[in-house]
């Protein structure tokens, strides 16, 4: 029996306070929202990094069919565009995509009909750069050599994507900060309520020689226990929501959507959210009790 762990004795019946249940459920909600906000920022950052790594330093040239007046055949215009690209400074390679590759790119939007040979398809050229390219001048040369050719500079919309990812991270950080502020306010309210309810017991403990730090530890253990319990519930609910979104995203055929899957280190970081909230609750409870007791007559 002596080897069994001894549970710290509590002289204050804080577990039966009305604020105890309130604190646990509010903590669960805050952890749930904080985990979802953090996971959303991680997913958007991963998406931006994948696109940045795959498309940075690249261009795409599209040679579209021109119905109506007689024009140079599409394949000849594509070859003329290739000639211009390969002769331009700053371009390392220019590769004409096959019909099957173009159909594969369009399949998420057009379905199996993307492989229909009767469907008029543009010619796409994948361009890789290894230095600065005068995009404006290159557009003019392409338009002259291959009418109907358009140049898409990946750097333009990759910059927009980086800005969007940064905005999402900023919003997620703001959400986490507001959740932290709400957690502090909740703990302050719960602790002050407990002190008001149990003030006669606190005064009796003082008469028996208990210090303010002793009373503070009673509240700290209670607040941390409730925060960890509620945080665990919120973490489980958030994990279930993220797993459900991941399973739902696997059935989508739109390849441009991000992969809603987190790496192991990201899951480990999310596991720290309830612990961080419990630590914040501990510090807040200690500060609130000591300050309140210090102002009591």
C-alpha atoms as a PDB file:
ATOM      1  CA  UNK A   1       0.000   0.000   0.000  1.00  0.00           C
ATOM      2  CA  UNK A   2       2.889   2.352   0.716  1.00  0.00           C
ATOM      3  CA  UNK A   3       3.974   2.069  -2.913  1.00  0.00           C
ATOM      4  CA  UNK A   4       0.676   3.394  -4.272  1.00  0.00           C
ATOM      5  CA  UNK A   5       0.766   6.993  -5.490  1.00  0.00           C
ATOM      6  CA  UNK A   6      -0.729   9.420  -3.012  1.00  0.00           C
ATOM      7  CA  UNK A   7      -3.152  11.899  -4.524  1.00  0.00           C
ATOM      8  CA  UNK A   8      -2.497  15.444  -3.290  1.00  0.00           C
ATOM      9  CA  UNK A   9      -4.999  16.386  -0.613  1.00  0.00           C
ATOM     10  CA  UNK A  10      -7.353  19.256  -1.421  1.00  0.00           C
ATOM     11  CA  UNK A  11      -8.794  21.338   1.392  1.00  0.00           C
ATOM     12  CA  UNK A  12     -11.136  23.183  -0.971  1.00  0.00           C
ATOM     13  CA  UNK A  13     -14.087  21.367  -2.622  1.00  0.00           C
ATOM     14  CA  UNK A  14     -13.406  22.985  -5.988  1.00  0.00           C
ATOM     15  CA  UNK A  15     -14.579  19.961  -8.002  1.00  0.00           C
ATOM     16  CA  UNK A  16     -18.219  20.589  -7.027  1.00  0.00           C
ATOM     17  CA  UNK A  17     -18.190  24.254  -8.035  1.00  0.00           C
ATOM     18  CA  UNK A  18     -20.528  25.244 -10.890  1.00  0.00           C
ATOM     19  CA  UNK A  19     -17.493  26.785 -12.645  1.00  0.00           C
ATOM     20  CA  UNK A  20     -15.721  23.403 -12.808  1.00  0.00           C
ATOM     21  CA  UNK A  21     -17.965  21.994 -15.536  1.00  0.00           C
ATOM     22  CA  UNK A  22     -17.962  25.368 -17.300  1.00  0.00           C
ATOM     23  CA  UNK A  23     -14.155  25.513 -17.358  1.00  0.00           C
ATOM     24  CA  UNK A  24     -13.792  21.990 -18.773  1.00  0.00           C
ATOM     25  CA  UNK A  25     -16.205  22.476 -21.685  1.00  0.00           C
ATOM     26  CA  UNK A  26     -14.900  25.927 -22.553  1.00  0.00           C
ATOM     27  CA  UNK A  27     -11.364  24.521 -22.615  1.00  0.00           C
ATOM     28  CA  UNK A  28     -12.495  21.706 -24.919  1.00  0.00           C
ATOM     29  CA  UNK A  29     -14.027  24.234 -27.322  1.00  0.00           C
ATOM     30  CA  UNK A  30     -10.936  26.449 -27.290  1.00  0.00           C
ATOM     31  CA  UNK A  31      -8.567  23.552 -27.951  1.00  0.00           C
ATOM     32  CA  UNK A  32     -10.831  22.314 -30.748  1.00  0.00           C
ATOM     33  CA  UNK A  33     -10.754  25.711 -32.477  1.00  0.00           C
ATOM     34  CA  UNK A  34      -7.023  26.232 -31.877  1.00  0.00           C
ATOM     35  CA  UNK A  35      -6.130  22.834 -33.342  1.00  0.00           C
ATOM     36  CA  UNK A  36      -8.308  23.388 -36.414  1.00  0.00           C
ATOM     37  CA  UNK A  37      -6.859  26.856 -36.995  1.00  0.00           C
ATOM     38  CA  UNK A  38      -3.293  25.585 -36.640  1.00  0.00           C
ATOM     39  CA  UNK A  39      -3.940  22.577 -38.883  1.00  0.00           C
ATOM     40  CA  UNK A  40      -5.516  24.809 -41.536  1.00  0.00           C
ATOM     41  CA  UNK A  41      -2.459  27.055 -41.555  1.00  0.00           C
ATOM     42  CA  UNK A  42      -0.190  24.000 -41.854  1.00  0.00           C
ATOM     43  CA  UNK A  43      -2.169  22.578 -44.786  1.00  0.00           C
ATOM     44  CA  UNK A  44      -2.175  25.861 -46.690  1.00  0.00           C
ATOM     45  CA  UNK A  45       1.560  26.307 -46.066  1.00  0.00           C
ATOM     46  CA  UNK A  46       2.231  22.777 -47.345  1.00  0.00           C
ATOM     47  CA  UNK A  47       0.151  23.456 -50.455  1.00  0.00           C
ATOM     48  CA  UNK A  48       2.021  26.694 -51.169  1.00  0.00           C
ATOM     49  CA  UNK A  49       5.395  24.993 -50.633  1.00  0.00           C
ATOM     50  CA  UNK A  50       4.535  22.109 -52.987  1.00  0.00           C
ATOM     51  CA  UNK A  51       3.373  24.434 -55.725  1.00  0.00           C
ATOM     52  CA  UNK A  52       6.359  26.703 -55.174  1.00  0.00           C
ATOM     53  CA  UNK A  53       8.813  23.809 -55.440  1.00  0.00           C
ATOM     54  CA  UNK A  54       7.086  22.361 -58.501  1.00  0.00           C
ATOM     55  CA  UNK A  55       6.392  25.534 -60.475  1.00  0.00           C
ATOM     56  CA  UNK A  56       8.959  28.119 -59.414  1.00  0.00           C
ATOM     57  CA  UNK A  57      11.209  29.154 -62.250  1.00  0.00           C
ATOM     58  CA  UNK A  58       8.801  27.886 -64.897  1.00  0.00           C
ATOM     59  CA  UNK A  59       6.633  29.184 -67.714  1.00  0.00           C
ATOM     60  CA  UNK A  60       3.808  27.658 -69.709  1.00  0.00           C
ATOM     61  CA  UNK A  61       3.091  28.460 -73.343  1.00  0.00           C
ATOM     62  CA  UNK A  62      -0.301  27.620 -74.815  1.00  0.00           C
ATOM     63  CA  UNK A  63      -0.877  27.528 -78.560  1.00  0.00           C
ATOM     64  CA  UNK A  64      -4.628  27.557 -79.044  1.00  0.00           C
ATOM     65  CA  UNK A  65      -6.648  26.527 -82.133  1.00  0.00           C
ATOM     66  CA  UNK A  66      -7.839  29.471 -84.213  1.00  0.00           C
ATOM     67  CA  UNK A  67     -11.118  28.628 -85.966  1.00  0.00           C
ATOM     68  CA  UNK A  68     -12.355  30.769 -88.794  1.00  0.00           C
ATOM     69  CA  UNK A  69      -9.959  32.258 -91.319  1.00  0.00           C
ATOM     70  CA  UNK A  70      -7.250  29.991 -92.741  1.00  0.00           C
ATOM     71  CA  UNK A  71      -4.218  30.025 -90.480  1.00  0.00           C
ATOM     72  CA  UNK A  72      -1.030  28.048 -90.058  1.00  0.00           C
ATOM     73  CA  UNK A  73      -1.767  24.528 -88.756  1.00  0.00           C
ATOM     74  CA  UNK A  74      -1.667  24.132 -85.002  1.00  0.00           C
ATOM     75  CA  UNK A  75       1.318  21.759 -84.948  1.00  0.00           C
ATOM     76  CA  UNK A  76       3.376  24.086 -87.136  1.00  0.00           C
ATOM     77  CA  UNK A  77       2.624  27.031 -84.866  1.00  0.00           C
ATOM     78  CA  UNK A  78       3.624  24.921 -81.834  1.00  0.00           C
ATOM     79  CA  UNK A  79       6.951  24.056 -83.508  1.00  0.00           C
ATOM     80  CA  UNK A  80       7.509  27.750 -84.293  1.00  0.00           C
ATOM     81  CA  UNK A  81       6.883  28.577 -80.620  1.00  0.00           C
ATOM     82  CA  UNK A  82       9.375  25.900 -79.592  1.00  0.00           C
ATOM     83  CA  UNK A  83      11.986  27.420 -81.895  1.00  0.00           C
ATOM     84  CA  UNK A  84      11.491  30.863 -80.381  1.00  0.00           C
ATOM     85  CA  UNK A  85      11.641  29.528 -76.828  1.00  0.00           C
ATOM     86  CA  UNK A  86      14.772  27.447 -77.321  1.00  0.00           C
ATOM     87  CA  UNK A  87      16.552  30.427 -78.869  1.00  0.00           C
ATOM     88  CA  UNK A  88      15.635  32.811 -76.016  1.00  0.00           C
ATOM     89  CA  UNK A  89      18.206  33.609 -73.303  1.00  0.00           C
ATOM     90  CA  UNK A  90      17.437  32.391 -69.808  1.00  0.00           C
ATOM     91  CA  UNK A  91      15.441  29.330 -70.947  1.00  0.00           C
ATOM     92  CA  UNK A  92      16.951  25.961 -70.114  1.00  0.00           C
ATOM     93  CA  UNK A  93      14.407  23.694 -71.784  1.00  0.00           C
ATOM     94  CA  UNK A  94      11.085  23.801 -73.625  1.00  0.00           C
ATOM     95  CA  UNK A  95       9.107  20.557 -73.991  1.00  0.00           C
ATOM     96  CA  UNK A  96       5.896  20.072 -75.957  1.00  0.00           C
ATOM     97  CA  UNK A  97       3.392  18.043 -73.922  1.00  0.00           C
ATOM     98  CA  UNK A  98       1.746  15.092 -75.621  1.00  0.00           C
ATOM     99  CA  UNK A  99      -2.003  14.774 -76.081  1.00  0.00           C
ATOM    100  CA  UNK A 100      -2.177  12.167 -73.335  1.00  0.00           C
ATOM    101  CA  UNK A 101      -0.403  14.458 -70.866  1.00  0.00           C
ATOM    102  CA  UNK A 102      -2.759  17.324 -71.679  1.00  0.00           C
ATOM    103  CA  UNK A 103      -5.788  15.035 -71.280  1.00  0.00           C
ATOM    104  CA  UNK A 104      -4.460  13.927 -67.892  1.00  0.00           C
ATOM    105  CA  UNK A 105      -4.167  17.552 -66.786  1.00  0.00           C
ATOM    106  CA  UNK A 106      -7.729  18.308 -67.892  1.00  0.00           C
ATOM    107  CA  UNK A 107      -9.308  15.103 -66.588  1.00  0.00           C
ATOM    108  CA  UNK A 108     -10.170  16.491 -63.107  1.00  0.00           C
ATOM    109  CA  UNK A 109     -12.380  19.098 -64.803  1.00  0.00           C
ATOM    110  CA  UNK A 110     -13.558  17.395 -68.003  1.00  0.00           C
ATOM    111  CA  UNK A 111     -13.593  13.770 -66.864  1.00  0.00           C
ATOM    112  CA  UNK A 112     -12.957  10.924 -69.335  1.00  0.00           C
ATOM    113  CA  UNK A 113     -14.101  13.186 -72.185  1.00  0.00           C
ATOM    114  CA  UNK A 114     -10.731  14.968 -71.930  1.00  0.00           C
ATOM    115  CA  UNK A 115      -9.204  12.086 -73.934  1.00  0.00           C
ATOM    116  CA  UNK A 116     -11.723  12.411 -76.783  1.00  0.00           C
ATOM    117  CA  UNK A 117      -9.675  12.862 -79.993  1.00  0.00           C
ATOM    118  CA  UNK A 118     -12.453  15.021 -81.486  1.00  0.00           C
ATOM    119  CA  UNK A 119     -12.125  17.574 -78.693  1.00  0.00           C
ATOM    120  CA  UNK A 120     -10.046  20.545 -79.923  1.00  0.00           C
ATOM    121  CA  UNK A 121      -7.043  20.708 -77.632  1.00  0.00           C
ATOM    122  CA  UNK A 122      -4.424  23.454 -77.428  1.00  0.00           C
ATOM    123  CA  UNK A 123      -0.738  22.618 -77.533  1.00  0.00           C
ATOM    124  CA  UNK A 124       1.043  23.165 -74.241  1.00  0.00           C
ATOM    125  CA  UNK A 125       4.764  23.765 -73.862  1.00  0.00           C
ATOM    126  CA  UNK A 126       6.423  23.343 -70.475  1.00  0.00           C
ATOM    127  CA  UNK A 127       9.288  25.821 -70.117  1.00  0.00           C
ATOM    128  CA  UNK A 128      12.023  25.672 -67.463  1.00  0.00           C
ATOM    129  CA  UNK A 129      14.189  28.735 -66.902  1.00  0.00           C
ATOM    130  CA  UNK A 130      17.674  28.997 -65.462  1.00  0.00           C
ATOM    131  CA  UNK A 131      18.050  32.754 -65.487  1.00  0.00           C
ATOM    132  CA  UNK A 132      16.157  36.028 -65.939  1.00  0.00           C
ATOM    133  CA  UNK A 133      13.726  36.085 -68.848  1.00  0.00           C
ATOM    134  CA  UNK A 134      12.267  39.185 -70.487  1.00  0.00           C
ATOM    135  CA  UNK A 135       8.670  37.966 -70.395  1.00  0.00           C
ATOM    136  CA  UNK A 136       7.188  40.973 -72.214  1.00  0.00           C
ATOM    137  CA  UNK A 137       9.610  40.675 -75.149  1.00  0.00           C
ATOM    138  CA  UNK A 138       9.149  36.915 -75.261  1.00  0.00           C
ATOM    139  CA  UNK A 139       5.369  37.349 -75.517  1.00  0.00           C
ATOM    140  CA  UNK A 140       5.809  39.637 -78.509  1.00  0.00           C
ATOM    141  CA  UNK A 141       8.131  37.182 -80.293  1.00  0.00           C
ATOM    142  CA  UNK A 142       5.750  34.289 -79.651  1.00  0.00           C
ATOM    143  CA  UNK A 143       2.741  36.253 -80.912  1.00  0.00           C
ATOM    144  CA  UNK A 144       4.652  37.079 -84.107  1.00  0.00           C
ATOM    145  CA  UNK A 145       6.016  33.581 -84.768  1.00  0.00           C
ATOM    146  CA  UNK A 146       2.997  31.579 -83.569  1.00  0.00           C
ATOM    147  CA  UNK A 147      -0.347  33.415 -83.698  1.00  0.00           C
ATOM    148  CA  UNK A 148      -2.626  32.269 -80.891  1.00  0.00           C
ATOM    149  CA  UNK A 149       0.284  31.570 -78.507  1.00  0.00           C
ATOM    150  CA  UNK A 150      -0.033  32.873 -74.952  1.00  0.00           C
ATOM    151  CA  UNK A 151       2.591  32.885 -72.215  1.00  0.00           C
ATOM    152  CA  UNK A 152       1.727  32.185 -68.560  1.00  0.00           C
ATOM    153  CA  UNK A 153       4.324  33.325 -66.049  1.00  0.00           C
ATOM    154  CA  UNK A 154       4.070  31.127 -62.952  1.00  0.00           C
ATOM    155  CA  UNK A 155       5.853  33.700 -60.818  1.00  0.00           C
ATOM    156  CA  UNK A 156       2.843  36.037 -60.967  1.00  0.00           C
ATOM    157  CA  UNK A 157       0.274  33.746 -59.435  1.00  0.00           C
ATOM    158  CA  UNK A 158       2.838  31.990 -57.226  1.00  0.00           C
ATOM    159  CA  UNK A 159       3.396  35.382 -55.592  1.00  0.00           C
ATOM    160  CA  UNK A 160      -0.364  35.638 -55.056  1.00  0.00           C
ATOM    161  CA  UNK A 161      -0.370  32.147 -53.566  1.00  0.00           C
ATOM    162  CA  UNK A 162       2.456  33.053 -51.176  1.00  0.00           C
ATOM    163  CA  UNK A 163       0.523  36.147 -50.106  1.00  0.00           C
ATOM    164  CA  UNK A 164      -2.595  34.055 -49.544  1.00  0.00           C
ATOM    165  CA  UNK A 165      -0.678  31.492 -47.478  1.00  0.00           C
ATOM    166  CA  UNK A 166       0.852  34.285 -45.410  1.00  0.00           C
ATOM    167  CA  UNK A 167      -2.590  35.803 -44.809  1.00  0.00           C
ATOM    168  CA  UNK A 168      -3.949  32.419 -43.700  1.00  0.00           C
ATOM    169  CA  UNK A 169      -1.053  31.962 -41.278  1.00  0.00           C
ATOM    170  CA  UNK A 170      -1.632  35.457 -39.907  1.00  0.00           C
ATOM    171  CA  UNK A 171      -5.346  34.795 -39.404  1.00  0.00           C
ATOM    172  CA  UNK A 172      -4.584  31.456 -37.726  1.00  0.00           C
ATOM    173  CA  UNK A 173      -2.122  33.180 -35.405  1.00  0.00           C
ATOM    174  CA  UNK A 174      -4.749  35.789 -34.591  1.00  0.00           C
ATOM    175  CA  UNK A 175      -7.279  33.063 -33.806  1.00  0.00           C
ATOM    176  CA  UNK A 176      -4.812  31.284 -31.503  1.00  0.00           C
ATOM    177  CA  UNK A 177      -3.969  34.558 -29.725  1.00  0.00           C
ATOM    178  CA  UNK A 178      -7.662  35.329 -29.196  1.00  0.00           C
ATOM    179  CA  UNK A 179      -8.213  31.805 -27.900  1.00  0.00           C
ATOM    180  CA  UNK A 180      -5.337  32.305 -25.461  1.00  0.00           C
ATOM    181  CA  UNK A 181      -6.851  35.583 -24.278  1.00  0.00           C
ATOM    182  CA  UNK A 182     -10.223  33.890 -23.854  1.00  0.00           C
ATOM    183  CA  UNK A 183      -8.552  31.101 -21.870  1.00  0.00           C
ATOM    184  CA  UNK A 184      -6.951  33.626 -19.528  1.00  0.00           C
ATOM    185  CA  UNK A 185     -10.266  35.404 -18.993  1.00  0.00           C
ATOM    186  CA  UNK A 186     -12.038  32.099 -18.367  1.00  0.00           C
ATOM    187  CA  UNK A 187      -9.507  30.956 -15.794  1.00  0.00           C
ATOM    188  CA  UNK A 188      -9.592  34.340 -14.034  1.00  0.00           C
ATOM    189  CA  UNK A 189     -13.391  34.157 -13.842  1.00  0.00           C
ATOM    190  CA  UNK A 190     -13.379  30.559 -12.583  1.00  0.00           C
ATOM    191  CA  UNK A 191     -10.707  31.214  -9.951  1.00  0.00           C
ATOM    192  CA  UNK A 192     -12.320  34.381  -8.654  1.00  0.00           C
ATOM    193  CA  UNK A 193     -15.666  32.592  -8.488  1.00  0.00           C
ATOM    194  CA  UNK A 194     -14.079  29.759  -6.526  1.00  0.00           C
ATOM    195  CA  UNK A 195     -12.421  32.196  -4.130  1.00  0.00           C
ATOM    196  CA  UNK A 196     -15.709  34.003  -3.551  1.00  0.00           C
ATOM    197  CA  UNK A 197     -17.595  30.754  -2.920  1.00  0.00           C
ATOM    198  CA  UNK A 198     -14.966  29.281  -0.611  1.00  0.00           C
ATOM    199  CA  UNK A 199     -13.824  32.470   1.107  1.00  0.00           C
ATOM    200  CA  UNK A 200     -14.774  31.214   4.593  1.00  0.00           C
ATOM    201  CA  UNK A 201     -12.687  28.072   4.052  1.00  0.00           C
ATOM    202  CA  UNK A 202      -9.767  30.149   2.746  1.00  0.00           C
ATOM    203  CA  UNK A 203      -9.932  32.401   5.821  1.00  0.00           C
ATOM    204  CA  UNK A 204     -10.017  29.322   8.068  1.00  0.00           C
ATOM    205  CA  UNK A 205      -6.939  27.933   6.324  1.00  0.00           C
ATOM    206  CA  UNK A 206      -5.164  31.224   6.914  1.00  0.00           C
ATOM    207  CA  UNK A 207      -6.055  31.063  10.620  1.00  0.00           C
ATOM    208  CA  UNK A 208      -4.573  27.544  10.720  1.00  0.00           C
ATOM    209  CA  UNK A 209      -1.308  28.861   9.302  1.00  0.00           C
ATOM    210  CA  UNK A 210      -1.729  28.124   5.567  1.00  0.00           C
ATOM    211  CA  UNK A 211       0.120  30.489   3.269  1.00  0.00           C
ATOM    212  CA  UNK A 212      -1.253  32.131   0.148  1.00  0.00           C
ATOM    213  CA  UNK A 213       1.003  29.856  -1.908  1.00  0.00           C
ATOM    214  CA  UNK A 214      -0.620  26.802  -0.288  1.00  0.00           C
ATOM    215  CA  UNK A 215      -4.087  28.047  -1.238  1.00  0.00           C
ATOM    216  CA  UNK A 216      -2.847  28.882  -4.721  1.00  0.00           C
ATOM    217  CA  UNK A 217      -1.664  25.309  -5.242  1.00  0.00           C
ATOM    218  CA  UNK A 218      -5.189  24.054  -4.516  1.00  0.00           C
ATOM    219  CA  UNK A 219      -6.561  26.154  -7.372  1.00  0.00           C
ATOM    220  CA  UNK A 220      -3.633  25.383  -9.674  1.00  0.00           C
ATOM    221  CA  UNK A 221      -4.140  21.618  -9.419  1.00  0.00           C
ATOM    222  CA  UNK A 222      -7.865  22.003 -10.017  1.00  0.00           C
ATOM    223  CA  UNK A 223      -7.491  24.336 -13.009  1.00  0.00           C
ATOM    224  CA  UNK A 224      -4.764  22.240 -14.653  1.00  0.00           C
ATOM    225  CA  UNK A 225      -6.777  19.036 -14.196  1.00  0.00           C
ATOM    226  CA  UNK A 226      -9.882  20.587 -15.752  1.00  0.00           C
ATOM    227  CA  UNK A 227      -7.844  22.144 -18.573  1.00  0.00           C
ATOM    228  CA  UNK A 228      -6.149  18.856 -19.436  1.00  0.00           C
ATOM    229  CA  UNK A 229      -9.453  16.980 -19.327  1.00  0.00           C
ATOM    230  CA  UNK A 230     -11.241  19.498 -21.520  1.00  0.00           C
ATOM    231  CA  UNK A 231      -8.201  19.896 -23.775  1.00  0.00           C
ATOM    232  CA  UNK A 232      -8.043  16.144 -24.365  1.00  0.00           C
ATOM    233  CA  UNK A 233     -11.695  16.134 -25.425  1.00  0.00           C
ATOM    234  CA  UNK A 234     -11.146  19.086 -27.755  1.00  0.00           C
ATOM    235  CA  UNK A 235      -8.057  17.453 -29.248  1.00  0.00           C
ATOM    236  CA  UNK A 236      -9.918  14.208 -29.918  1.00  0.00           C
ATOM    237  CA  UNK A 237     -12.803  16.075 -31.560  1.00  0.00           C
ATOM    238  CA  UNK A 238     -10.423  18.119 -33.729  1.00  0.00           C
ATOM    239  CA  UNK A 239      -8.475  14.993 -34.686  1.00  0.00           C
ATOM    240  CA  UNK A 240     -11.705  13.283 -35.712  1.00  0.00           C
ATOM    241  CA  UNK A 241     -12.732  16.296 -37.804  1.00  0.00           C
ATOM    242  CA  UNK A 242      -9.347  16.417 -39.556  1.00  0.00           C
ATOM    243  CA  UNK A 243      -9.426  12.672 -40.217  1.00  0.00           C
ATOM    244  CA  UNK A 244     -12.932  12.982 -41.668  1.00  0.00           C
ATOM    245  CA  UNK A 245     -11.838  15.817 -43.953  1.00  0.00           C
ATOM    246  CA  UNK A 246      -8.851  13.766 -45.082  1.00  0.00           C
ATOM    247  CA  UNK A 247     -11.048  10.788 -45.926  1.00  0.00           C
ATOM    248  CA  UNK A 248     -13.515  13.027 -47.770  1.00  0.00           C
ATOM    249  CA  UNK A 249     -10.731  14.687 -49.785  1.00  0.00           C
ATOM    250  CA  UNK A 250      -9.496  11.319 -51.038  1.00  0.00           C
ATOM    251  CA  UNK A 251     -12.693  10.944 -53.054  1.00  0.00           C
ATOM    252  CA  UNK A 252     -12.214  14.261 -54.862  1.00  0.00           C
ATOM    253  CA  UNK A 253     -10.769  14.207 -58.348  1.00  0.00           C
ATOM    254  CA  UNK A 254      -9.617  17.831 -58.459  1.00  0.00           C
ATOM    255  CA  UNK A 255      -5.859  17.465 -58.389  1.00  0.00           C
ATOM    256  CA  UNK A 256      -5.344  21.174 -57.706  1.00  0.00           C
ATOM    257  CA  UNK A 257      -6.861  20.830 -54.235  1.00  0.00           C
ATOM    258  CA  UNK A 258      -4.396  20.400 -51.362  1.00  0.00           C
ATOM    259  CA  UNK A 259      -3.775  17.016 -49.828  1.00  0.00           C
ATOM    260  CA  UNK A 260      -5.553  17.228 -46.467  1.00  0.00           C
ATOM    261  CA  UNK A 261      -2.957  15.110 -44.680  1.00  0.00           C
ATOM    262  CA  UNK A 262      -0.563  16.193 -41.944  1.00  0.00           C
ATOM    263  CA  UNK A 263       2.970  14.947 -41.393  1.00  0.00           C
ATOM    264  CA  UNK A 264       4.012  13.235 -38.174  1.00  0.00           C
ATOM    265  CA  UNK A 265       5.778  16.308 -36.818  1.00  0.00           C
ATOM    266  CA  UNK A 266       2.673  18.392 -37.480  1.00  0.00           C
ATOM    267  CA  UNK A 267       0.500  15.975 -35.489  1.00  0.00           C
ATOM    268  CA  UNK A 268       3.097  16.140 -32.711  1.00  0.00           C
ATOM    269  CA  UNK A 269       2.884  19.942 -32.740  1.00  0.00           C
ATOM    270  CA  UNK A 270      -0.908  19.796 -32.487  1.00  0.00           C
ATOM    271  CA  UNK A 271      -0.608  17.473 -29.487  1.00  0.00           C
ATOM    272  CA  UNK A 272       1.178  20.296 -27.672  1.00  0.00           C
ATOM    273  CA  UNK A 273      -1.859  22.607 -27.896  1.00  0.00           C
ATOM    274  CA  UNK A 274      -3.681  21.181 -24.809  1.00  0.00           C
ATOM    275  CA  UNK A 275      -0.412  21.176 -22.867  1.00  0.00           C
ATOM    276  CA  UNK A 276       0.274  24.803 -23.775  1.00  0.00           C
ATOM    277  CA  UNK A 277      -3.242  25.770 -22.741  1.00  0.00           C
ATOM    278  CA  UNK A 278      -2.865  23.907 -19.427  1.00  0.00           C
ATOM    279  CA  UNK A 279       0.422  25.729 -18.763  1.00  0.00           C
ATOM    280  CA  UNK A 280      -1.259  29.048 -19.516  1.00  0.00           C
ATOM    281  CA  UNK A 281      -4.092  28.132 -17.140  1.00  0.00           C
ATOM    282  CA  UNK A 282      -1.572  27.233 -14.417  1.00  0.00           C
ATOM    283  CA  UNK A 283       0.226  30.561 -14.652  1.00  0.00           C
ATOM    284  CA  UNK A 284      -3.055  32.493 -14.797  1.00  0.00           C
ATOM    285  CA  UNK A 285      -4.528  30.659 -11.793  1.00  0.00           C
ATOM    286  CA  UNK A 286      -1.412  31.301  -9.707  1.00  0.00           C
ATOM    287  CA  UNK A 287      -1.310  34.974 -10.593  1.00  0.00           C
ATOM    288  CA  UNK A 288      -5.049  35.438  -9.968  1.00  0.00           C
ATOM    289  CA  UNK A 289      -5.097  33.688  -6.585  1.00  0.00           C
ATOM    290  CA  UNK A 290      -2.002  35.421  -5.233  1.00  0.00           C
ATOM    291  CA  UNK A 291      -3.153  38.825  -6.398  1.00  0.00           C
ATOM    292  CA  UNK A 292      -6.684  38.344  -5.057  1.00  0.00           C
ATOM    293  CA  UNK A 293      -5.516  37.045  -1.697  1.00  0.00           C
ATOM    294  CA  UNK A 294      -2.980  39.844  -1.441  1.00  0.00           C
ATOM    295  CA  UNK A 295      -5.751  42.423  -1.734  1.00  0.00           C
ATOM    296  CA  UNK A 296      -7.967  40.749   0.862  1.00  0.00           C
ATOM    297  CA  UNK A 297      -8.038  42.313   4.323  1.00  0.00           C
END
